[in-house]
Amino acid sequence: MDIKDRGNIKWTSLMLVEHRKKLEELKNNENKREKPDLDQQIYEVFNYRIKEAIEKQYKVKIIYYDDSKYREISTYIKKFDSNQKKLYLTDQKIKEIYFENIAEIILME
């Protein structure tokens, strides 16, 4: 006996319009996160990792904040512009990331 479960569809006829709207809103906001608020010590660690990655041509994994989500990229760092606080990358899709949006930098050697 094979039962086909229709998920939430079977319950929507019993729900109020307000409940459906709230469930839809919760589903849309589920993946949204706030921008990281990092302290000065972590930025100093990032600076050290960036310098080492540039000098020794290490590949890095960068976790960064973009459009209410955390994204991840593995790439090489071309340079770091301390005036504009930007990382310039060798990746084809993402050429630059603002330093303030970075949540983590991991050296991959």
Protein backbone atom coordinates (compact mmCIF):
# COMPACT_ATOMS: atom_id res chain seq x y z
CA MET A 1 0.00 0.00 0.00
CA ASP A 2 1.62 3.23 -1.22
CA ILE A 3 0.41 6.45 0.40
CA LYS A 4 1.23 9.69 -1.38
CA ASP A 5 1.78 12.43 1.21
CA ARG A 6 0.92 15.90 -0.07
CA GLY A 7 2.76 17.73 2.73
CA ASN A 8 1.24 21.06 3.74
CA ILE A 9 -1.15 21.08 0.80
CA LYS A 10 -3.62 18.86 2.68
CA TRP A 11 -3.80 21.38 5.55
CA THR A 12 -4.04 24.67 3.65
CA SER A 13 -7.80 24.43 3.19
CA LEU A 14 -8.17 24.36 6.99
CA MET A 15 -5.88 27.35 7.61
CA LEU A 16 -6.81 30.98 7.88
CA VAL A 17 -5.40 33.41 5.34
CA GLU A 18 -3.34 35.07 8.07
CA HIS A 19 -1.79 31.74 9.02
CA ARG A 20 -0.82 30.99 5.42
CA LYS A 21 0.74 34.45 5.06
CA LYS A 22 2.70 34.02 8.30
CA LEU A 23 3.97 30.56 7.25
CA GLU A 24 5.06 31.96 3.89
CA GLU A 25 6.83 34.86 5.61
CA LEU A 26 8.61 32.49 8.01
CA LYS A 27 9.73 30.31 5.11
CA ASN A 28 11.13 33.33 3.24
CA ASN A 29 12.99 34.63 6.32
CA GLU A 30 14.32 31.22 7.32
CA ASN A 31 17.62 31.57 5.45
CA LYS A 32 18.14 35.27 6.15
CA ARG A 33 20.82 36.13 8.65
CA GLU A 34 22.33 39.27 10.06
CA LYS A 35 25.68 40.69 9.04
CA PRO A 36 28.56 39.51 11.22
CA ASP A 37 29.73 41.86 13.94
CA LEU A 38 33.38 40.95 14.48
CA ASP A 39 35.85 42.51 16.88
CA GLN A 40 39.27 44.02 16.12
CA GLN A 41 41.21 40.89 17.14
CA ILE A 42 39.49 38.78 14.50
CA TYR A 43 40.27 41.40 11.85
CA GLU A 44 43.93 41.23 12.87
CA VAL A 45 43.85 37.44 12.40
CA PHE A 46 42.23 37.98 8.98
CA ASN A 47 44.99 40.47 8.08
CA TYR A 48 47.66 37.93 8.99
CA ARG A 49 45.96 35.19 6.93
CA ILE A 50 45.52 37.50 3.95
CA LYS A 51 49.18 38.54 3.97
CA GLU A 52 50.29 34.92 4.22
CA ALA A 53 47.94 33.84 1.42
CA ILE A 54 49.21 36.58 -0.89
CA GLU A 55 52.90 36.01 -0.12
CA LYS A 56 52.82 32.23 -0.38
CA GLN A 57 50.07 31.99 -3.01
CA TYR A 58 47.84 29.86 -0.79
CA LYS A 59 44.30 29.11 -1.81
CA VAL A 60 41.77 30.39 0.74
CA LYS A 61 38.21 29.56 1.63
CA ILE A 62 36.30 32.74 2.42
CA ILE A 63 32.92 32.74 4.10
CA TYR A 64 31.27 36.10 3.54
CA TYR A 65 27.95 37.87 4.00
CA ASP A 66 26.00 38.81 0.89
CA ASP A 67 22.32 39.58 0.40
CA SER A 68 21.16 38.37 3.85
CA LYS A 69 22.98 35.04 3.44
CA TYR A 70 26.36 33.56 4.13
CA ARG A 71 28.19 32.41 1.02
CA GLU A 72 31.42 30.51 0.57
CA ILE A 73 34.13 30.72 -2.07
CA SER A 74 37.49 29.01 -2.58
CA THR A 75 39.92 31.18 -4.50
CA TYR A 76 43.26 32.98 -4.49
CA ILE A 77 43.70 36.54 -3.27
CA LYS A 78 45.25 39.00 -5.73
CA LYS A 79 45.62 41.93 -3.36
CA PHE A 80 44.15 43.72 -0.38
CA ASP A 81 43.35 47.41 -0.65
CA SER A 82 43.52 48.78 2.90
CA ASN A 83 42.14 52.20 1.89
CA GLN A 84 38.93 50.84 0.41
CA LYS A 85 39.01 47.78 2.70
CA LYS A 86 38.50 45.39 -0.21
CA LEU A 87 39.91 42.01 -1.16
CA TYR A 88 40.56 41.46 -4.85
CA LEU A 89 40.19 37.83 -5.90
CA THR A 90 41.18 35.70 -8.89
CA ASP A 91 37.73 34.10 -9.12
CA GLN A 92 35.75 34.64 -12.32
CA LYS A 93 32.36 35.20 -10.66
CA ILE A 94 33.37 37.29 -7.65
CA LYS A 95 36.19 39.74 -8.24
CA GLU A 96 36.09 41.60 -4.92
CA ILE A 97 34.73 41.33 -1.39
CA TYR A 98 34.52 44.10 1.16
CA PHE A 99 36.53 43.29 4.27
CA GLU A 100 33.61 44.13 6.58
CA ASN A 101 31.47 41.37 5.00
CA ILE A 102 33.94 38.58 5.70
CA ALA A 103 32.94 36.13 8.42
CA GLU A 104 35.89 33.71 8.10
CA ILE A 105 39.09 33.18 6.12
CA ILE A 106 40.63 29.71 6.07
CA LEU A 107 44.05 29.01 4.54
CA MET A 108 44.00 25.89 2.38
CA GLU A 109 47.72 25.84 1.48
